[in-house]
Amino acid sequence: MRYSVSGTLLLSLLLVACQHTTQDQASKDAATIPDNLVRVDHTSTRLAYVDPSADFSQYTAILLTPLGVDNVEIIQPSASITTTGSRKWELTDADKQRLQQDFRRAMVQQLSDKGGYALVETPANNVMRISAILTRIAPTAPKDDNRSRPPGRNKVFTEGAGKMRIEVTFSDSETGAVLALAKDTRSGLRIWGINNSVTNGAEVRRMFTAWAMQIRTQLDRIHKKE
């Protein structure tokens, strides 16, 4: 089956990550893929799907939905770095709000400020909806608060902040038809350094920016801006 030119270009966005996904996981996730999407094989990822009939070039505006943060799997830090009595790593309402704000800020900066794409609030025939869900985080250290880091352990050094996994769906804003789907995992910088709320926040924003840049780059190619 042949992909449309614009669909092929968007595929390069989808084939960037998830390189550590196992075949078993890919098979399990495949059960949730809409029937109109085709699995893309022989790529660097096992979790990339696209509608081969979709004409992505018709979409000149974007409707962003808030980052989904209500069902995030949290992989607890290694026992070797936690302390006795430390509470489990959890996302508070404030954490979730901050993640949503940081994600939207990254997307707006890349798509609107740098890409010149119109961001709209209502569906239309030229509007593509981009919906992202944060599905997993794997921090490398206990949370930076007084309950998780008792006195004497408030300074923690780790190799990076951890990993985040995201699922991004591209769909027609009017019909809701899914055009493409990608699942991606990113890691923080693999550099040893202090681990605290400031450095972790910077790493999260860097990962969000990288995802937003990938989307903008492929949209630019589709609309021949490069």
N, C-alpha and C. Protein backbone atom coordinates (compact mmCIF):
# COMPACT_ATOMS: atom_id res chain seq x y z
N MET A 1 0.84 -1.19 0.00
CA MET A 1 0.00 0.00 0.00
C MET A 1 0.88 1.24 0.00
N ARG A 2 0.53 2.24 -0.83
CA ARG A 2 1.38 3.42 -0.97
C ARG A 2 0.85 4.54 -0.08
N TYR A 3 1.79 5.23 0.57
CA TYR A 3 1.42 6.36 1.39
C TYR A 3 1.37 7.62 0.54
N SER A 4 0.48 8.56 0.92
CA SER A 4 0.48 9.86 0.26
C SER A 4 1.77 10.58 0.61
N VAL A 5 2.15 11.57 -0.21
CA VAL A 5 3.40 12.29 0.04
C VAL A 5 3.39 12.94 1.40
N SER A 6 2.30 13.62 1.75
CA SER A 6 2.26 14.30 3.04
C SER A 6 2.25 13.31 4.19
N GLY A 7 1.60 12.16 3.98
CA GLY A 7 1.60 11.14 5.02
C GLY A 7 2.99 10.60 5.26
N THR A 8 3.74 10.41 4.19
CA THR A 8 5.11 9.92 4.33
C THR A 8 5.97 10.90 5.11
N LEU A 9 5.76 12.17 4.87
CA LEU A 9 6.54 13.18 5.58
C LEU A 9 6.23 13.16 7.07
N LEU A 10 4.96 13.02 7.39
CA LEU A 10 4.62 12.98 8.81
C LEU A 10 5.16 11.73 9.47
N LEU A 11 5.35 10.67 8.70
CA LEU A 11 5.87 9.44 9.28
C LEU A 11 7.24 9.66 9.91
N SER A 12 8.04 10.55 9.34
CA SER A 12 9.36 10.76 9.91
C SER A 12 9.27 11.33 11.31
N LEU A 13 8.15 12.00 11.62
CA LEU A 13 7.91 12.43 12.99
C LEU A 13 7.62 11.22 13.87
N LEU A 14 6.87 10.28 13.33
CA LEU A 14 6.45 9.15 14.13
C LEU A 14 7.54 8.12 14.36
N LEU A 15 8.59 8.15 13.53
CA LEU A 15 9.59 7.10 13.58
C LEU A 15 10.84 7.52 14.32
N VAL A 16 10.66 8.28 15.39
CA VAL A 16 11.82 8.86 16.01
C VAL A 16 12.22 8.16 17.29
N ALA A 17 11.26 7.56 17.99
CA ALA A 17 11.59 7.08 19.31
C ALA A 17 10.98 5.73 19.59
N CYS A 18 10.74 5.47 20.88
CA CYS A 18 10.22 4.17 21.32
C CYS A 18 11.18 3.05 20.94
N GLN A 19 12.46 3.33 20.82
CA GLN A 19 13.39 2.33 20.36
C GLN A 19 13.59 1.22 21.38
N HIS A 20 13.17 1.48 22.62
CA HIS A 20 13.35 0.47 23.65
C HIS A 20 12.07 -0.30 23.94
N THR A 21 11.06 -0.11 23.11
CA THR A 21 9.80 -0.83 23.29
C THR A 21 9.97 -2.28 22.90
N THR A 22 9.43 -3.17 23.70
CA THR A 22 9.56 -4.60 23.41
C THR A 22 8.48 -5.03 22.42
N GLN A 23 8.71 -6.17 21.77
CA GLN A 23 7.73 -6.69 20.83
C GLN A 23 6.44 -7.05 21.54
N ASP A 24 6.52 -7.57 22.76
CA ASP A 24 5.31 -7.93 23.49
C ASP A 24 4.45 -6.71 23.75
N GLN A 25 5.10 -5.62 24.14
CA GLN A 25 4.35 -4.40 24.40
C GLN A 25 3.72 -3.88 23.12
N ALA A 26 4.45 -3.95 22.02
CA ALA A 26 3.92 -3.48 20.74
C ALA A 26 2.69 -4.28 20.35
N SER A 27 2.72 -5.58 20.56
CA SER A 27 1.58 -6.41 20.22
C SER A 27 0.37 -6.07 21.07
N LYS A 28 0.61 -5.81 22.35
CA LYS A 28 -0.48 -5.47 23.24
C LYS A 28 -1.10 -4.12 22.86
N ASP A 29 -0.26 -3.13 22.58
CA ASP A 29 -0.76 -1.81 22.23
C ASP A 29 -1.48 -1.82 20.89
N ALA A 30 -1.07 -2.71 19.99
CA ALA A 30 -1.66 -2.74 18.66
C ALA A 30 -3.16 -3.00 18.71
N ALA A 31 -3.64 -3.64 19.77
CA ALA A 31 -5.05 -3.96 19.87
C ALA A 31 -5.91 -2.71 20.00
N THR A 32 -5.33 -1.58 20.40
CA THR A 32 -6.09 -0.35 20.60
C THR A 32 -6.00 0.58 19.40
N ILE A 33 -5.35 0.16 18.33
CA ILE A 33 -5.15 1.01 17.17
C ILE A 33 -6.40 1.01 16.29
N PRO A 34 -6.90 2.19 15.88
CA PRO A 34 -8.08 2.25 15.00
C PRO A 34 -7.83 1.48 13.70
N ASP A 35 -8.92 0.97 13.13
CA ASP A 35 -8.82 0.12 11.94
C ASP A 35 -8.25 0.84 10.73
N ASN A 36 -8.41 2.16 10.67
CA ASN A 36 -7.95 2.88 9.47
C ASN A 36 -6.44 3.11 9.46
N LEU A 37 -5.77 2.83 10.56
CA LEU A 37 -4.33 3.07 10.64
C LEU A 37 -3.55 1.83 10.25
N VAL A 38 -2.43 2.08 9.60
CA VAL A 38 -1.55 1.01 9.12
C VAL A 38 -0.24 1.06 9.89
N ARG A 39 0.17 -0.10 10.36
CA ARG A 39 1.43 -0.22 11.07
C ARG A 39 2.58 0.04 10.11
N VAL A 40 3.56 0.82 10.56
CA VAL A 40 4.74 1.11 9.75
C VAL A 40 5.87 0.20 10.23
N ASP A 41 6.32 -0.68 9.36
CA ASP A 41 7.36 -1.63 9.72
C ASP A 41 8.73 -1.17 9.23
N HIS A 42 9.76 -1.91 9.67
CA HIS A 42 11.14 -1.66 9.24
C HIS A 42 11.57 -0.23 9.55
N THR A 43 11.28 0.18 10.75
CA THR A 43 11.65 1.52 11.20
C THR A 43 12.35 1.40 12.55
N SER A 44 12.76 2.54 13.07
CA SER A 44 13.42 2.55 14.37
C SER A 44 12.45 2.39 15.52
N THR A 45 11.16 2.38 15.25
CA THR A 45 10.17 2.19 16.30
C THR A 45 9.15 1.14 15.89
N ARG A 46 8.62 0.43 16.86
CA ARG A 46 7.58 -0.56 16.58
C ARG A 46 6.18 0.01 16.81
N LEU A 47 6.10 1.27 17.20
CA LEU A 47 4.81 1.85 17.53
C LEU A 47 4.57 3.13 16.75
N ALA A 48 4.40 2.99 15.46
CA ALA A 48 4.06 4.11 14.59
C ALA A 48 2.98 3.67 13.63
N TYR A 49 1.91 4.44 13.57
CA TYR A 49 0.77 4.09 12.73
C TYR A 49 0.30 5.34 11.98
N VAL A 50 -0.22 5.14 10.77
CA VAL A 50 -0.69 6.27 9.98
C VAL A 50 -1.83 5.81 9.07
N ASP A 51 -2.72 6.76 8.76
CA ASP A 51 -3.76 6.51 7.77
C ASP A 51 -3.15 6.82 6.40
N PRO A 52 -2.95 5.81 5.54
CA PRO A 52 -2.26 6.05 4.28
C PRO A 52 -3.04 6.93 3.31
N SER A 53 -4.34 7.12 3.55
CA SER A 53 -5.14 7.96 2.66
C SER A 53 -5.23 9.40 3.13
N ALA A 54 -4.66 9.71 4.28
CA ALA A 54 -4.79 11.05 4.85
C ALA A 54 -3.97 12.07 4.07
N ASP A 55 -4.55 13.23 3.85
CA ASP A 55 -3.85 14.34 3.20
C ASP A 55 -3.56 15.39 4.27
N PHE A 56 -2.38 15.30 4.86
CA PHE A 56 -2.03 16.19 5.96
C PHE A 56 -1.85 17.64 5.51
N SER A 57 -1.62 17.86 4.23
CA SER A 57 -1.38 19.22 3.75
C SER A 57 -2.61 20.11 3.83
N GLN A 58 -3.79 19.52 3.98
CA GLN A 58 -5.01 20.33 4.05
C GLN A 58 -5.17 21.02 5.40
N TYR A 59 -4.37 20.60 6.38
CA TYR A 59 -4.51 21.15 7.72
C TYR A 59 -3.53 22.31 7.91
N THR A 60 -4.08 23.50 8.02
CA THR A 60 -3.26 24.70 8.15
C THR A 60 -3.38 25.34 9.52
N ALA A 61 -4.21 24.79 10.38
CA ALA A 61 -4.37 25.30 11.74
C ALA A 61 -4.43 24.12 12.70
N ILE A 62 -4.18 24.39 13.96
CA ILE A 62 -4.04 23.32 14.95
C ILE A 62 -4.88 23.62 16.18
N LEU A 63 -5.56 22.59 16.65
CA LEU A 63 -6.29 22.66 17.91
C LEU A 63 -5.56 21.77 18.90
N LEU A 64 -5.00 22.39 19.92
CA LEU A 64 -4.24 21.65 20.94
C LEU A 64 -5.15 21.32 22.12
N THR A 65 -5.15 20.07 22.52
CA THR A 65 -5.88 19.71 23.73
C THR A 65 -4.90 19.68 24.90
N PRO A 66 -5.39 19.89 26.11
CA PRO A 66 -4.49 19.85 27.27
C PRO A 66 -3.80 18.49 27.39
N LEU A 67 -2.57 18.50 27.81
CA LEU A 67 -1.84 17.25 28.02
C LEU A 67 -2.59 16.38 29.01
N GLY A 68 -2.83 15.12 28.65
CA GLY A 68 -3.50 14.20 29.55
C GLY A 68 -2.55 13.72 30.64
N VAL A 69 -2.94 13.92 31.88
CA VAL A 69 -2.06 13.57 33.01
C VAL A 69 -2.80 12.80 34.10
N ASP A 70 -3.96 12.25 33.79
CA ASP A 70 -4.78 11.63 34.84
C ASP A 70 -4.48 10.15 35.06
N ASN A 71 -3.79 9.52 34.13
CA ASN A 71 -3.51 8.08 34.27
C ASN A 71 -2.05 7.80 33.97
N VAL A 72 -1.18 8.44 34.72
CA VAL A 72 0.25 8.31 34.51
C VAL A 72 0.81 7.19 35.38
N GLU A 73 1.45 6.23 34.75
CA GLU A 73 2.14 5.19 35.50
C GLU A 73 3.46 5.76 36.01
N ILE A 74 3.72 5.58 37.28
CA ILE A 74 4.96 6.10 37.87
C ILE A 74 5.85 4.93 38.27
N ILE A 75 7.02 4.89 37.66
CA ILE A 75 8.02 3.88 38.02
C ILE A 75 8.87 4.46 39.14
N GLN A 76 8.79 3.87 40.30
CA GLN A 76 9.47 4.42 41.47
C GLN A 76 10.99 4.36 41.31
N PRO A 77 11.71 5.34 41.89
CA PRO A 77 13.17 5.35 41.80
C PRO A 77 13.78 4.09 42.39
N SER A 78 14.97 3.80 41.95
CA SER A 78 15.69 2.63 42.44
C SER A 78 15.81 2.66 43.96
N ALA A 79 15.68 1.49 44.57
CA ALA A 79 15.78 1.40 46.02
C ALA A 79 17.14 1.85 46.53
N SER A 80 18.15 1.81 45.68
CA SER A 80 19.50 2.17 46.11
C SER A 80 19.64 3.67 46.40
N ILE A 81 18.66 4.47 45.90
CA ILE A 81 18.79 5.90 46.09
C ILE A 81 17.69 6.47 46.99
N THR A 82 16.72 5.63 47.36
CA THR A 82 15.66 6.08 48.24
C THR A 82 16.09 5.90 49.69
N THR A 83 15.36 6.55 50.58
CA THR A 83 15.67 6.45 52.01
C THR A 83 14.52 5.79 52.73
N THR A 84 14.82 5.17 53.86
CA THR A 84 13.79 4.51 54.65
C THR A 84 12.73 5.52 55.07
N GLY A 85 11.49 5.18 54.83
CA GLY A 85 10.40 6.07 55.21
C GLY A 85 10.00 7.06 54.14
N SER A 86 10.73 7.09 53.03
CA SER A 86 10.37 8.01 51.96
C SER A 86 9.03 7.60 51.37
N ARG A 87 8.19 8.57 51.11
CA ARG A 87 6.90 8.25 50.50
C ARG A 87 7.08 7.99 49.01
N LYS A 88 6.10 7.32 48.45
CA LYS A 88 6.17 7.03 47.03
C LYS A 88 6.07 8.31 46.21
N TRP A 89 6.70 8.27 45.04
CA TRP A 89 6.66 9.38 44.10
C TRP A 89 5.26 9.46 43.52
N GLU A 90 4.58 10.60 43.72
CA GLU A 90 3.23 10.79 43.22
C GLU A 90 3.10 12.15 42.55
N LEU A 91 2.16 12.25 41.62
CA LEU A 91 1.87 13.52 40.98
C LEU A 91 0.73 14.20 41.72
N THR A 92 0.99 15.39 42.24
CA THR A 92 -0.06 16.16 42.88
C THR A 92 -0.83 16.95 41.83
N ASP A 93 -1.91 17.56 42.24
CA ASP A 93 -2.67 18.40 41.31
C ASP A 93 -1.81 19.54 40.79
N ALA A 94 -0.96 20.08 41.67
CA ALA A 94 -0.06 21.16 41.25
C ALA A 94 0.95 20.66 40.23
N ASP A 95 1.46 19.44 40.43
CA ASP A 95 2.39 18.85 39.47
C ASP A 95 1.73 18.70 38.10
N LYS A 96 0.51 18.19 38.10
CA LYS A 96 -0.20 17.97 36.85
C LYS A 96 -0.45 19.28 36.11
N GLN A 97 -0.84 20.29 36.86
CA GLN A 97 -1.09 21.59 36.24
C GLN A 97 0.19 22.16 35.64
N ARG A 98 1.31 21.98 36.35
CA ARG A 98 2.60 22.49 35.85
C ARG A 98 3.00 21.75 34.58
N LEU A 99 2.81 20.45 34.54
CA LEU A 99 3.13 19.67 33.35
C LEU A 99 2.30 20.14 32.15
N GLN A 100 1.02 20.36 32.38
CA GLN A 100 0.16 20.82 31.30
C GLN A 100 0.58 22.20 30.81
N GLN A 101 0.94 23.07 31.73
CA GLN A 101 1.37 24.41 31.35
C GLN A 101 2.66 24.37 30.56
N ASP A 102 3.61 23.57 31.03
CA ASP A 102 4.91 23.49 30.35
C ASP A 102 4.76 22.88 28.96
N PHE A 103 3.90 21.87 28.83
CA PHE A 103 3.69 21.24 27.53
C PHE A 103 3.05 22.23 26.56
N ARG A 104 2.02 22.91 27.00
CA ARG A 104 1.36 23.86 26.10
C ARG A 104 2.30 25.00 25.73
N ARG A 105 3.08 25.47 26.68
CA ARG A 105 4.02 26.55 26.39
C ARG A 105 5.01 26.13 25.32
N ALA A 106 5.51 24.90 25.42
CA ALA A 106 6.46 24.40 24.41
C ALA A 106 5.81 24.29 23.04
N MET A 107 4.59 23.79 23.00
CA MET A 107 3.89 23.64 21.74
C MET A 107 3.57 25.00 21.12
N VAL A 108 3.11 25.93 21.92
CA VAL A 108 2.80 27.27 21.40
C VAL A 108 4.05 27.95 20.87
N GLN A 109 5.14 27.83 21.61
CA GLN A 109 6.38 28.46 21.17
C GLN A 109 6.85 27.91 19.84
N GLN A 110 6.80 26.59 19.69
CA GLN A 110 7.31 25.97 18.46
C GLN A 110 6.34 26.10 17.30
N LEU A 111 5.07 25.84 17.53
CA LEU A 111 4.10 25.81 16.44
C LEU A 111 3.62 27.20 16.03
N SER A 112 3.33 28.03 17.01
CA SER A 112 2.78 29.35 16.70
C SER A 112 3.87 30.40 16.57
N ASP A 113 4.68 30.56 17.61
CA ASP A 113 5.68 31.63 17.61
C ASP A 113 6.75 31.41 16.54
N LYS A 114 7.27 30.18 16.45
CA LYS A 114 8.34 29.90 15.49
C LYS A 114 7.82 29.35 14.16
N GLY A 115 6.73 28.60 14.19
CA GLY A 115 6.24 27.98 12.97
C GLY A 115 5.21 28.81 12.22
N GLY A 116 4.56 29.75 12.94
CA GLY A 116 3.56 30.57 12.29
C GLY A 116 2.24 29.87 12.05
N TYR A 117 2.01 28.74 12.72
CA TYR A 117 0.75 28.02 12.53
C TYR A 117 -0.31 28.60 13.47
N ALA A 118 -1.51 28.74 12.94
CA ALA A 118 -2.60 29.28 13.74
C ALA A 118 -3.06 28.24 14.76
N LEU A 119 -3.14 28.64 16.00
CA LEU A 119 -3.68 27.78 17.04
C LEU A 119 -5.09 28.24 17.34
N VAL A 120 -6.04 27.35 17.18
CA VAL A 120 -7.45 27.72 17.31
C VAL A 120 -8.10 26.94 18.43
N GLU A 121 -9.31 27.37 18.80
CA GLU A 121 -10.03 26.73 19.90
C GLU A 121 -11.25 25.96 19.43
N THR A 122 -11.61 26.09 18.15
CA THR A 122 -12.80 25.42 17.64
C THR A 122 -12.46 24.59 16.40
N PRO A 123 -13.15 23.48 16.19
CA PRO A 123 -12.90 22.63 15.02
C PRO A 123 -13.28 23.33 13.72
N ALA A 124 -12.62 22.94 12.64
CA ALA A 124 -12.93 23.40 11.29
C ALA A 124 -12.33 22.41 10.32
N ASN A 125 -12.69 22.53 9.02
CA ASN A 125 -12.23 21.53 8.06
C ASN A 125 -10.75 21.61 7.77
N ASN A 126 -10.09 22.70 8.15
CA ASN A 126 -8.65 22.83 7.93
C ASN A 126 -7.86 22.68 9.23
N VAL A 127 -8.52 22.22 10.26
CA VAL A 127 -7.90 22.17 11.60
C VAL A 127 -7.57 20.72 11.98
N MET A 128 -6.33 20.49 12.37
CA MET A 128 -5.91 19.19 12.88
C MET A 128 -5.81 19.27 14.40
N ARG A 129 -6.39 18.30 15.04
CA ARG A 129 -6.32 18.23 16.50
C ARG A 129 -5.08 17.42 16.89
N ILE A 130 -4.31 17.96 17.82
CA ILE A 130 -3.15 17.24 18.36
C ILE A 130 -3.42 16.99 19.84
N SER A 131 -3.50 15.73 20.19
CA SER A 131 -3.78 15.34 21.58
C SER A 131 -2.64 14.49 22.10
N ALA A 132 -2.10 14.87 23.23
CA ALA A 132 -0.98 14.13 23.83
C ALA A 132 -1.37 13.67 25.23
N ILE A 133 -0.95 12.47 25.56
CA ILE A 133 -1.20 11.90 26.88
C ILE A 133 0.14 11.46 27.47
N LEU A 134 0.42 11.92 28.67
CA LEU A 134 1.61 11.44 29.39
C LEU A 134 1.25 10.12 30.03
N THR A 135 1.91 9.05 29.62
CA THR A 135 1.51 7.72 30.08
C THR A 135 2.43 7.14 31.16
N ARG A 136 3.67 7.60 31.21
CA ARG A 136 4.58 7.04 32.22
C ARG A 136 5.69 8.02 32.52
N ILE A 137 6.09 8.07 33.79
CA ILE A 137 7.31 8.77 34.17
C ILE A 137 8.14 7.84 35.05
N ALA A 138 9.44 7.96 34.92
CA ALA A 138 10.35 7.14 35.70
C ALA A 138 11.43 8.03 36.28
N PRO A 139 11.16 8.71 37.40
CA PRO A 139 12.15 9.59 38.01
C PRO A 139 13.32 8.81 38.56
N THR A 140 14.47 9.45 38.61
CA THR A 140 15.67 8.77 39.09
C THR A 140 15.95 8.99 40.57
N ALA A 141 15.13 9.82 41.23
CA ALA A 141 15.38 10.12 42.64
C ALA A 141 14.06 10.39 43.34
N PRO A 142 14.05 10.31 44.68
CA PRO A 142 12.84 10.68 45.42
C PRO A 142 12.43 12.11 45.09
N LYS A 143 11.18 12.40 45.28
CA LYS A 143 10.66 13.73 44.99
C LYS A 143 11.34 14.77 45.87
N ASP A 144 11.53 15.94 45.31
CA ASP A 144 12.24 17.01 46.01
C ASP A 144 11.28 17.76 46.94
N ASP A 145 10.96 17.11 48.06
CA ASP A 145 10.17 17.76 49.11
C ASP A 145 10.63 17.22 50.46
N ASN A 146 10.17 17.86 51.52
CA ASN A 146 10.65 17.51 52.86
C ASN A 146 10.25 16.11 53.31
N ARG A 147 9.12 15.62 52.82
CA ARG A 147 8.67 14.29 53.23
C ARG A 147 9.43 13.19 52.50
N SER A 148 9.85 13.46 51.28
CA SER A 148 10.54 12.43 50.50
C SER A 148 12.04 12.47 50.68
N ARG A 149 12.55 13.64 51.01
CA ARG A 149 13.99 13.78 51.23
C ARG A 149 14.22 14.35 52.62
N PRO A 150 14.38 13.48 53.58
CA PRO A 150 14.58 13.93 54.96
C PRO A 150 15.89 14.68 55.11
N PRO A 151 16.07 15.41 56.21
CA PRO A 151 17.32 16.15 56.44
C PRO A 151 18.54 15.26 56.26
N GLY A 152 19.52 15.79 55.56
CA GLY A 152 20.74 15.04 55.31
C GLY A 152 20.74 14.39 53.95
N ARG A 153 19.57 14.27 53.34
CA ARG A 153 19.49 13.68 52.01
C ARG A 153 18.81 14.62 51.02
N ASN A 154 18.79 15.92 51.38
CA ASN A 154 18.10 16.86 50.50
C ASN A 154 18.90 17.16 49.25
N LYS A 155 20.21 16.85 49.26
CA LYS A 155 21.02 16.99 48.05
C LYS A 155 21.27 15.61 47.47
N VAL A 156 20.74 15.42 46.30
CA VAL A 156 20.84 14.12 45.63
C VAL A 156 21.45 14.33 44.26
N PHE A 157 22.36 13.43 43.88
CA PHE A 157 22.99 13.51 42.57
C PHE A 157 22.62 12.25 41.79
N THR A 158 22.18 12.45 40.55
CA THR A 158 21.79 11.33 39.71
C THR A 158 22.28 11.56 38.28
N GLU A 159 22.21 10.50 37.49
CA GLU A 159 22.54 10.60 36.07
C GLU A 159 21.25 10.92 35.30
N GLY A 160 20.95 12.19 35.22
CA GLY A 160 19.73 12.61 34.56
C GLY A 160 18.54 12.61 35.49
N ALA A 161 17.43 13.16 34.99
CA ALA A 161 16.22 13.28 35.80
C ALA A 161 15.32 12.08 35.69
N GLY A 162 15.46 11.30 34.61
CA GLY A 162 14.61 10.14 34.42
C GLY A 162 14.05 10.08 33.01
N LYS A 163 12.91 9.41 32.86
CA LYS A 163 12.31 9.21 31.54
C LYS A 163 10.83 9.59 31.58
N MET A 164 10.32 9.95 30.41
CA MET A 164 8.89 10.19 30.24
C MET A 164 8.41 9.49 28.98
N ARG A 165 7.21 8.97 29.03
CA ARG A 165 6.60 8.33 27.87
C ARG A 165 5.34 9.09 27.51
N ILE A 166 5.15 9.30 26.23
CA ILE A 166 4.01 10.08 25.76
C ILE A 166 3.34 9.40 24.58
N GLU A 167 2.05 9.59 24.45
CA GLU A 167 1.30 9.10 23.30
C GLU A 167 0.67 10.31 22.62
N VAL A 168 0.92 10.48 21.33
CA VAL A 168 0.41 11.62 20.59
C VAL A 168 -0.52 11.14 19.48
N THR A 169 -1.71 11.72 19.43
CA THR A 169 -2.69 11.39 18.40
C THR A 169 -2.95 12.61 17.54
N PHE A 170 -2.91 12.41 16.23
CA PHE A 170 -3.21 13.46 15.26
C PHE A 170 -4.56 13.09 14.63
N SER A 171 -5.54 13.98 14.70
CA SER A 171 -6.87 13.65 14.20
C SER A 171 -7.53 14.83 13.52
N ASP A 172 -8.54 14.53 12.72
CA ASP A 172 -9.34 15.58 12.09
C ASP A 172 -10.22 16.20 13.16
N SER A 173 -10.19 17.52 13.29
CA SER A 173 -10.89 18.17 14.39
C SER A 173 -12.40 18.08 14.27
N GLU A 174 -12.92 17.95 13.05
CA GLU A 174 -14.37 17.90 12.86
C GLU A 174 -14.92 16.49 12.98
N THR A 175 -14.30 15.55 12.31
CA THR A 175 -14.83 14.18 12.30
C THR A 175 -14.29 13.33 13.45
N GLY A 176 -13.14 13.73 13.99
CA GLY A 176 -12.52 12.92 15.02
C GLY A 176 -11.73 11.75 14.48
N ALA A 177 -11.68 11.60 13.16
CA ALA A 177 -10.94 10.49 12.56
C ALA A 177 -9.46 10.60 12.89
N VAL A 178 -8.88 9.51 13.38
CA VAL A 178 -7.47 9.50 13.74
C VAL A 178 -6.63 9.37 12.47
N LEU A 179 -5.69 10.29 12.30
CA LEU A 179 -4.84 10.32 11.11
C LEU A 179 -3.52 9.61 11.35
N ALA A 180 -3.02 9.71 12.56
CA ALA A 180 -1.73 9.10 12.89
C ALA A 180 -1.61 8.97 14.40
N LEU A 181 -0.75 8.08 14.82
CA LEU A 181 -0.55 7.82 16.24
C LEU A 181 0.90 7.46 16.49
N ALA A 182 1.47 8.02 17.54
CA ALA A 182 2.86 7.69 17.89
C ALA A 182 2.99 7.57 19.40
N LYS A 183 3.86 6.67 19.82
CA LYS A 183 4.18 6.52 21.24
C LYS A 183 5.69 6.66 21.37
N ASP A 184 6.09 7.55 22.26
CA ASP A 184 7.49 7.95 22.31
C ASP A 184 7.99 7.97 23.74
N THR A 185 9.23 7.60 23.94
CA THR A 185 9.87 7.68 25.25
C THR A 185 11.13 8.53 25.13
N ARG A 186 11.29 9.46 26.05
CA ARG A 186 12.49 10.30 26.08
C ARG A 186 13.14 10.25 27.45
N SER A 187 14.45 10.39 27.44
CA SER A 187 15.23 10.40 28.68
C SER A 187 15.81 11.77 28.91
N GLY A 188 16.07 12.06 30.19
CA GLY A 188 16.78 13.28 30.51
C GLY A 188 18.23 13.17 30.07
N LEU A 189 18.94 14.26 30.16
CA LEU A 189 20.35 14.26 29.79
C LEU A 189 21.11 13.26 30.65
N ARG A 190 21.90 12.41 30.01
CA ARG A 190 22.65 11.39 30.74
C ARG A 190 23.94 11.97 31.30
N ILE A 191 23.76 12.97 32.17
CA ILE A 191 24.89 13.65 32.79
C ILE A 191 24.67 13.65 34.30
N TRP A 192 25.70 13.30 35.05
CA TRP A 192 25.59 13.32 36.50
C TRP A 192 25.54 14.75 37.00
N GLY A 193 24.58 15.01 37.88
CA GLY A 193 24.45 16.35 38.44
C GLY A 193 23.43 16.34 39.56
N ILE A 194 23.22 17.49 40.16
CA ILE A 194 22.28 17.60 41.27
C ILE A 194 20.87 17.38 40.77
N ASN A 195 20.08 16.69 41.56
CA ASN A 195 18.70 16.38 41.20
C ASN A 195 17.79 17.12 42.17
N ASN A 196 17.09 18.13 41.68
CA ASN A 196 16.13 18.85 42.51
C ASN A 196 14.98 19.35 41.64
N SER A 197 14.05 20.04 42.22
CA SER A 197 12.86 20.47 41.48
C SER A 197 13.21 21.41 40.33
N VAL A 198 14.26 22.20 40.50
CA VAL A 198 14.65 23.16 39.45
C VAL A 198 15.25 22.41 38.26
N THR A 199 16.21 21.53 38.53
CA THR A 199 16.85 20.81 37.42
C THR A 199 15.87 19.83 36.76
N ASN A 200 15.01 19.20 37.55
CA ASN A 200 14.03 18.29 36.97
C ASN A 200 13.03 19.03 36.09
N GLY A 201 12.61 20.22 36.55
CA GLY A 201 11.69 21.02 35.75
C GLY A 201 12.30 21.43 34.43
N ALA A 202 13.58 21.75 34.46
CA ALA A 202 14.27 22.13 33.22
C ALA A 202 14.35 20.95 32.26
N GLU A 203 14.57 19.74 32.80
CA GLU A 203 14.63 18.55 31.95
C GLU A 203 13.27 18.24 31.31
N VAL A 204 12.22 18.39 32.10
CA VAL A 204 10.87 18.17 31.57
C VAL A 204 10.59 19.15 30.43
N ARG A 205 10.92 20.40 30.62
CA ARG A 205 10.68 21.41 29.57
C ARG A 205 11.52 21.12 28.33
N ARG A 206 12.74 20.60 28.53
CA ARG A 206 13.59 20.27 27.38
C ARG A 206 12.96 19.14 26.58
N MET A 207 12.41 18.13 27.25
CA MET A 207 11.78 17.02 26.54
C MET A 207 10.53 17.48 25.81
N PHE A 208 9.72 18.30 26.45
CA PHE A 208 8.52 18.82 25.80
C PHE A 208 8.90 19.65 24.57
N THR A 209 9.93 20.45 24.70
CA THR A 209 10.37 21.27 23.57
C THR A 209 10.85 20.41 22.42
N ALA A 210 11.56 19.34 22.72
CA ALA A 210 12.05 18.44 21.67
C ALA A 210 10.88 17.82 20.92
N TRP A 211 9.83 17.38 21.63
CA TRP A 211 8.66 16.82 20.97
C TRP A 211 7.99 17.87 20.09
N ALA A 212 7.85 19.09 20.62
CA ALA A 212 7.19 20.16 19.87
C ALA A 212 8.00 20.53 18.62
N MET A 213 9.31 20.53 18.73
CA MET A 213 10.17 20.84 17.58
C MET A 213 10.01 19.79 16.49
N GLN A 214 9.90 18.52 16.89
CA GLN A 214 9.71 17.45 15.90
C GLN A 214 8.42 17.67 15.12
N ILE A 215 7.36 18.01 15.82
CA ILE A 215 6.09 18.24 15.15
C ILE A 215 6.18 19.43 14.20
N ARG A 216 6.78 20.52 14.67
CA ARG A 216 6.90 21.71 13.82
C ARG A 216 7.74 21.41 12.58
N THR A 217 8.83 20.70 12.74
CA THR A 217 9.71 20.40 11.61
C THR A 217 8.97 19.63 10.53
N GLN A 218 8.17 18.66 10.92
CA GLN A 218 7.45 17.86 9.94
C GLN A 218 6.30 18.65 9.30
N LEU A 219 5.65 19.49 10.07
CA LEU A 219 4.61 20.34 9.49
C LEU A 219 5.23 21.31 8.47
N ASP A 220 6.41 21.81 8.78
CA ASP A 220 7.10 22.70 7.84
C ASP A 220 7.39 21.98 6.53
N ARG A 221 7.79 20.72 6.62
CA ARG A 221 8.09 19.97 5.41
C ARG A 221 6.82 19.70 4.60
N ILE A 222 5.75 19.37 5.32
CA ILE A 222 4.49 19.12 4.64
C ILE A 222 4.02 20.36 3.88
N HIS A 223 4.18 21.52 4.51
CA HIS A 223 3.73 22.78 3.88
C HIS A 223 4.86 23.48 3.12
N LYS A 224 5.95 22.76 2.92
CA LYS A 224 7.06 23.24 2.10
C LYS A 224 7.60 24.57 2.57
N LYS A 225 7.80 24.66 3.88
CA LYS A 225 8.39 25.88 4.45
C LYS A 225 9.90 25.79 4.50
N GLU A 226 10.45 24.59 4.24
CA GLU A 226 11.91 24.42 4.29
C GLU A 226 12.45 24.26 2.88
